[in-house]
N, C-alpha and C. Protein backbone atom coordinates (compact mmCIF):
# COMPACT_ATOMS: atom_id res chain seq x y z
N UNK A 1 82.42 -31.29 -159.42
CA UNK A 1 81.21 -30.50 -159.54
C UNK A 1 81.57 -29.05 -159.88
N UNK A 2 80.87 -28.48 -160.83
CA UNK A 2 81.12 -27.10 -161.22
C UNK A 2 80.33 -26.15 -160.33
N UNK A 3 80.83 -24.94 -160.21
CA UNK A 3 80.27 -23.95 -159.29
C UNK A 3 79.26 -23.05 -159.97
N UNK A 4 78.14 -22.82 -159.27
CA UNK A 4 77.11 -21.88 -159.71
C UNK A 4 77.19 -20.65 -158.81
N UNK A 5 77.38 -19.49 -159.42
CA UNK A 5 77.62 -18.25 -158.68
C UNK A 5 76.45 -17.29 -158.83
N UNK A 6 76.07 -16.66 -157.72
CA UNK A 6 75.05 -15.61 -157.71
C UNK A 6 75.78 -14.31 -157.40
N UNK A 7 75.65 -13.31 -158.29
CA UNK A 7 76.40 -12.06 -158.18
C UNK A 7 75.48 -10.86 -158.13
N UNK A 8 75.53 -10.11 -157.02
CA UNK A 8 74.76 -8.86 -156.92
C UNK A 8 75.63 -7.72 -157.45
N UNK A 9 75.00 -6.69 -157.96
CA UNK A 9 75.74 -5.55 -158.50
C UNK A 9 76.45 -5.89 -159.80
N UNK A 10 75.87 -6.78 -160.57
CA UNK A 10 76.53 -7.31 -161.77
C UNK A 10 76.78 -6.27 -162.85
N UNK A 11 76.05 -5.17 -162.85
CA UNK A 11 76.28 -4.15 -163.90
C UNK A 11 77.17 -3.00 -163.42
N UNK A 12 77.58 -3.04 -162.16
CA UNK A 12 78.48 -2.02 -161.63
C UNK A 12 79.92 -2.28 -162.07
N UNK A 13 80.80 -1.38 -161.70
CA UNK A 13 82.20 -1.49 -162.11
C UNK A 13 82.82 -2.79 -161.60
N UNK A 14 82.81 -2.99 -160.30
CA UNK A 14 83.42 -4.18 -159.72
C UNK A 14 82.70 -5.45 -160.16
N UNK A 15 81.38 -5.44 -160.08
CA UNK A 15 80.60 -6.62 -160.45
C UNK A 15 80.79 -7.04 -161.89
N UNK A 16 80.84 -6.08 -162.81
CA UNK A 16 80.99 -6.44 -164.23
C UNK A 16 82.38 -7.01 -164.51
N UNK A 17 83.42 -6.44 -163.90
CA UNK A 17 84.77 -6.99 -164.08
C UNK A 17 84.88 -8.40 -163.50
N UNK A 18 84.33 -8.56 -162.32
CA UNK A 18 84.36 -9.87 -161.66
C UNK A 18 83.58 -10.91 -162.46
N UNK A 19 82.43 -10.51 -163.00
CA UNK A 19 81.61 -11.42 -163.79
C UNK A 19 82.37 -11.93 -165.01
N UNK A 20 83.06 -11.04 -165.70
CA UNK A 20 83.84 -11.42 -166.88
C UNK A 20 84.93 -12.43 -166.51
N UNK A 21 85.65 -12.16 -165.43
CA UNK A 21 86.75 -13.04 -165.03
C UNK A 21 86.24 -14.39 -164.55
N UNK A 22 85.19 -14.38 -163.77
CA UNK A 22 84.64 -15.65 -163.26
C UNK A 22 84.11 -16.52 -164.41
N UNK A 23 83.51 -15.88 -165.41
CA UNK A 23 82.97 -16.63 -166.55
C UNK A 23 84.06 -17.33 -167.35
N UNK A 24 85.29 -16.85 -167.25
CA UNK A 24 86.41 -17.47 -167.97
C UNK A 24 86.92 -18.73 -167.29
N UNK A 25 86.59 -18.91 -166.02
CA UNK A 25 87.09 -20.06 -165.27
C UNK A 25 86.36 -21.34 -165.66
N UNK A 26 87.10 -22.41 -165.96
CA UNK A 26 86.45 -23.66 -166.36
C UNK A 26 85.63 -24.30 -165.24
N UNK A 27 85.97 -24.02 -163.99
CA UNK A 27 85.23 -24.62 -162.87
C UNK A 27 83.90 -23.91 -162.57
N UNK A 28 83.63 -22.81 -163.25
CA UNK A 28 82.36 -22.09 -163.07
C UNK A 28 81.37 -22.58 -164.12
N UNK A 29 80.26 -23.13 -163.63
CA UNK A 29 79.21 -23.62 -164.53
C UNK A 29 78.32 -22.49 -165.03
N UNK A 30 77.88 -21.64 -164.09
CA UNK A 30 76.98 -20.55 -164.46
C UNK A 30 77.08 -19.41 -163.45
N UNK A 31 76.68 -18.23 -163.92
CA UNK A 31 76.63 -17.04 -163.08
C UNK A 31 75.27 -16.39 -163.28
N UNK A 32 74.58 -16.15 -162.18
CA UNK A 32 73.34 -15.38 -162.23
C UNK A 32 73.66 -14.01 -161.66
N UNK A 33 73.52 -12.98 -162.48
CA UNK A 33 73.82 -11.63 -162.04
C UNK A 33 72.55 -10.81 -161.91
N UNK A 34 72.50 -9.99 -160.86
CA UNK A 34 71.38 -9.05 -160.69
C UNK A 34 71.92 -7.65 -160.47
N UNK A 35 71.14 -6.66 -160.86
CA UNK A 35 71.46 -5.26 -160.61
C UNK A 35 70.24 -4.43 -160.98
N UNK A 36 70.25 -3.18 -160.54
CA UNK A 36 69.14 -2.28 -160.89
C UNK A 36 69.17 -1.85 -162.35
N UNK A 37 70.37 -1.76 -162.91
CA UNK A 37 70.48 -1.35 -164.31
C UNK A 37 71.06 -2.49 -165.14
N UNK A 38 70.74 -2.47 -166.42
CA UNK A 38 71.22 -3.51 -167.32
C UNK A 38 72.72 -3.35 -167.57
N UNK A 39 73.42 -4.45 -167.80
CA UNK A 39 74.84 -4.37 -168.13
C UNK A 39 75.05 -3.57 -169.42
N UNK A 40 76.22 -2.95 -169.55
CA UNK A 40 76.49 -2.09 -170.70
C UNK A 40 76.80 -2.86 -171.97
N UNK A 41 77.41 -4.00 -171.86
CA UNK A 41 77.82 -4.74 -173.05
C UNK A 41 77.24 -6.14 -173.07
N UNK A 42 77.67 -6.93 -174.04
CA UNK A 42 77.19 -8.31 -174.13
C UNK A 42 77.69 -9.14 -172.95
N UNK A 43 76.89 -10.11 -172.58
CA UNK A 43 77.24 -10.97 -171.45
C UNK A 43 77.92 -12.25 -171.93
N UNK A 44 78.84 -12.77 -171.13
CA UNK A 44 79.43 -14.07 -171.47
C UNK A 44 78.34 -15.15 -171.50
N UNK A 45 78.55 -16.21 -172.27
CA UNK A 45 77.53 -17.27 -172.39
C UNK A 45 77.10 -17.90 -171.07
N UNK A 46 77.98 -17.95 -170.09
CA UNK A 46 77.65 -18.57 -168.80
C UNK A 46 76.76 -17.69 -167.91
N UNK A 47 76.53 -16.45 -168.31
CA UNK A 47 75.85 -15.48 -167.45
C UNK A 47 74.38 -15.33 -167.82
N UNK A 48 73.53 -15.38 -166.79
CA UNK A 48 72.12 -15.02 -166.91
C UNK A 48 71.93 -13.77 -166.07
N UNK A 49 71.28 -12.77 -166.63
CA UNK A 49 71.10 -11.51 -165.91
C UNK A 49 69.63 -11.24 -165.68
N UNK A 50 69.34 -10.69 -164.50
CA UNK A 50 67.98 -10.25 -164.20
C UNK A 50 68.04 -8.88 -163.54
N UNK A 51 67.29 -7.94 -164.10
CA UNK A 51 67.23 -6.61 -163.51
C UNK A 51 66.30 -6.66 -162.31
N UNK A 52 66.86 -6.44 -161.13
CA UNK A 52 66.07 -6.44 -159.91
C UNK A 52 66.81 -5.74 -158.79
N UNK A 53 66.07 -5.28 -157.82
CA UNK A 53 66.61 -4.63 -156.64
C UNK A 53 67.01 -5.71 -155.64
N UNK A 54 68.20 -5.60 -155.06
CA UNK A 54 68.65 -6.62 -154.11
C UNK A 54 67.80 -6.63 -152.83
N UNK A 55 66.97 -5.61 -152.64
CA UNK A 55 66.06 -5.59 -151.49
C UNK A 55 64.74 -6.29 -151.78
N UNK A 56 64.60 -6.84 -152.98
CA UNK A 56 63.37 -7.50 -153.40
C UNK A 56 63.11 -8.76 -152.57
N UNK A 57 61.85 -9.04 -152.25
CA UNK A 57 61.53 -10.27 -151.53
C UNK A 57 61.80 -11.52 -152.38
N UNK A 58 61.99 -11.35 -153.69
CA UNK A 58 62.30 -12.48 -154.58
C UNK A 58 63.77 -12.89 -154.52
N UNK A 59 64.58 -12.13 -153.81
CA UNK A 59 66.02 -12.38 -153.79
C UNK A 59 66.38 -13.77 -153.28
N UNK A 60 65.80 -14.19 -152.18
CA UNK A 60 66.17 -15.51 -151.63
C UNK A 60 65.81 -16.64 -152.59
N UNK A 61 64.69 -16.51 -153.28
CA UNK A 61 64.31 -17.51 -154.28
C UNK A 61 65.28 -17.55 -155.45
N UNK A 62 65.76 -16.37 -155.85
CA UNK A 62 66.74 -16.30 -156.95
C UNK A 62 68.07 -16.92 -156.54
N UNK A 63 68.43 -16.81 -155.27
CA UNK A 63 69.71 -17.35 -154.79
C UNK A 63 69.70 -18.88 -154.66
N UNK A 64 68.53 -19.44 -154.52
CA UNK A 64 68.44 -20.89 -154.32
C UNK A 64 69.12 -21.64 -155.46
N UNK A 65 69.87 -22.67 -155.10
CA UNK A 65 70.53 -23.50 -156.09
C UNK A 65 71.93 -23.04 -156.47
N UNK A 66 72.37 -21.94 -155.92
CA UNK A 66 73.73 -21.46 -156.19
C UNK A 66 74.67 -21.94 -155.10
N UNK A 67 75.93 -22.11 -155.44
CA UNK A 67 76.93 -22.57 -154.48
C UNK A 67 77.62 -21.41 -153.76
N UNK A 68 77.70 -20.27 -154.45
CA UNK A 68 78.44 -19.11 -153.93
C UNK A 68 77.63 -17.85 -154.19
N UNK A 69 77.64 -16.93 -153.22
CA UNK A 69 77.04 -15.61 -153.40
C UNK A 69 78.17 -14.59 -153.28
N UNK A 70 78.29 -13.74 -154.30
CA UNK A 70 79.27 -12.66 -154.29
C UNK A 70 78.48 -11.35 -154.29
N UNK A 71 78.67 -10.56 -153.23
CA UNK A 71 77.87 -9.35 -153.05
C UNK A 71 78.71 -8.12 -153.38
N UNK A 72 78.44 -7.49 -154.53
CA UNK A 72 79.15 -6.27 -154.90
C UNK A 72 78.20 -5.08 -155.06
N UNK A 73 76.94 -5.25 -154.75
CA UNK A 73 75.97 -4.17 -154.90
C UNK A 73 76.04 -3.22 -153.71
N UNK A 74 75.57 -2.02 -153.92
CA UNK A 74 75.44 -1.06 -152.82
C UNK A 74 74.12 -0.33 -152.97
N UNK A 75 73.70 0.28 -151.92
CA UNK A 75 72.46 1.05 -151.93
C UNK A 75 72.83 2.51 -151.72
N UNK A 76 72.46 3.34 -152.66
CA UNK A 76 72.71 4.78 -152.53
C UNK A 76 71.57 5.34 -151.69
N UNK A 77 71.92 6.08 -150.68
CA UNK A 77 70.91 6.53 -149.73
C UNK A 77 70.16 7.78 -150.15
N UNK A 78 70.55 8.40 -151.26
CA UNK A 78 69.81 9.55 -151.75
C UNK A 78 69.39 9.31 -153.20
N UNK A 79 68.26 9.85 -153.60
CA UNK A 79 67.80 9.68 -154.98
C UNK A 79 68.74 10.37 -155.96
N UNK A 80 68.86 9.82 -157.15
CA UNK A 80 69.74 10.39 -158.18
C UNK A 80 69.30 11.80 -158.57
N UNK A 81 68.04 12.10 -158.46
CA UNK A 81 67.55 13.41 -158.87
C UNK A 81 67.73 14.48 -157.78
N UNK A 82 68.29 14.08 -156.61
CA UNK A 82 68.49 15.04 -155.54
C UNK A 82 69.60 16.04 -155.93
N UNK A 83 69.44 17.26 -155.55
CA UNK A 83 70.39 18.32 -155.88
C UNK A 83 71.79 18.00 -155.36
N UNK A 84 72.81 18.32 -156.16
CA UNK A 84 74.19 18.09 -155.73
C UNK A 84 74.55 18.97 -154.54
N UNK A 85 73.83 20.06 -154.35
CA UNK A 85 74.11 20.91 -153.18
C UNK A 85 73.78 20.17 -151.88
N UNK A 86 72.93 19.17 -151.97
CA UNK A 86 72.58 18.38 -150.80
C UNK A 86 73.52 17.17 -150.66
N UNK A 87 73.87 16.54 -151.79
CA UNK A 87 74.65 15.30 -151.74
C UNK A 87 76.16 15.50 -151.71
N UNK A 88 76.64 16.72 -152.02
CA UNK A 88 78.08 17.00 -152.04
C UNK A 88 78.45 17.78 -150.79
N UNK A 89 79.44 17.29 -150.03
CA UNK A 89 79.84 18.03 -148.82
C UNK A 89 80.42 19.39 -149.18
N UNK A 90 80.25 20.39 -148.32
CA UNK A 90 80.70 21.75 -148.63
C UNK A 90 82.20 21.84 -148.93
N UNK A 91 83.00 21.04 -148.29
CA UNK A 91 84.45 21.10 -148.49
C UNK A 91 84.90 20.51 -149.82
N UNK A 92 84.04 19.74 -150.51
CA UNK A 92 84.44 19.08 -151.76
C UNK A 92 84.80 20.08 -152.85
N UNK A 93 84.17 21.24 -152.86
CA UNK A 93 84.45 22.23 -153.90
C UNK A 93 85.78 22.95 -153.68
N UNK A 94 86.37 22.82 -152.51
CA UNK A 94 87.64 23.50 -152.23
C UNK A 94 88.86 22.66 -152.61
N UNK A 95 88.63 21.42 -153.05
CA UNK A 95 89.73 20.52 -153.39
C UNK A 95 89.86 20.43 -154.90
N UNK A 96 91.06 20.54 -155.40
CA UNK A 96 91.32 20.34 -156.82
C UNK A 96 91.56 18.84 -157.02
N UNK A 97 90.51 18.10 -157.32
CA UNK A 97 90.58 16.63 -157.36
C UNK A 97 91.63 16.08 -158.32
N UNK A 98 91.71 16.51 -159.59
CA UNK A 98 92.73 15.94 -160.48
C UNK A 98 94.15 16.16 -159.96
N UNK A 99 94.41 17.36 -159.42
CA UNK A 99 95.74 17.67 -158.91
C UNK A 99 96.04 16.83 -157.67
N UNK A 100 95.08 16.72 -156.78
CA UNK A 100 95.26 15.95 -155.55
C UNK A 100 95.51 14.48 -155.86
N UNK A 101 94.75 13.90 -156.75
CA UNK A 101 94.88 12.49 -157.09
C UNK A 101 96.21 12.23 -157.82
N UNK A 102 96.63 13.12 -158.70
CA UNK A 102 97.85 12.90 -159.45
C UNK A 102 99.09 12.96 -158.56
N UNK A 103 99.01 13.62 -157.42
CA UNK A 103 100.14 13.70 -156.50
C UNK A 103 100.24 12.50 -155.58
N UNK A 104 99.24 11.68 -155.50
CA UNK A 104 99.24 10.54 -154.58
C UNK A 104 100.12 9.43 -155.07
């Protein structure tokens, strides 16, 4: 029996990479991906995508009939239009991020 996968966060970084790799596996029959935003590129033939919020009451109905659920979505707790002065901690501006990361 082939596997049917339900993937949340399908258009995010982790979800999109995982979706591509899973679609290459011969034992995977289909992948249903959901996310708030549409994927950036073309989808593999095994993938069906639906733009939806994972908090939607329709989620359980969408999951029905799948063998595996892979959860890679997250919920951002502040709106995207919120000022960076509110969403960025005060100490973040004192760190030279490229220099710090390159030394790790």
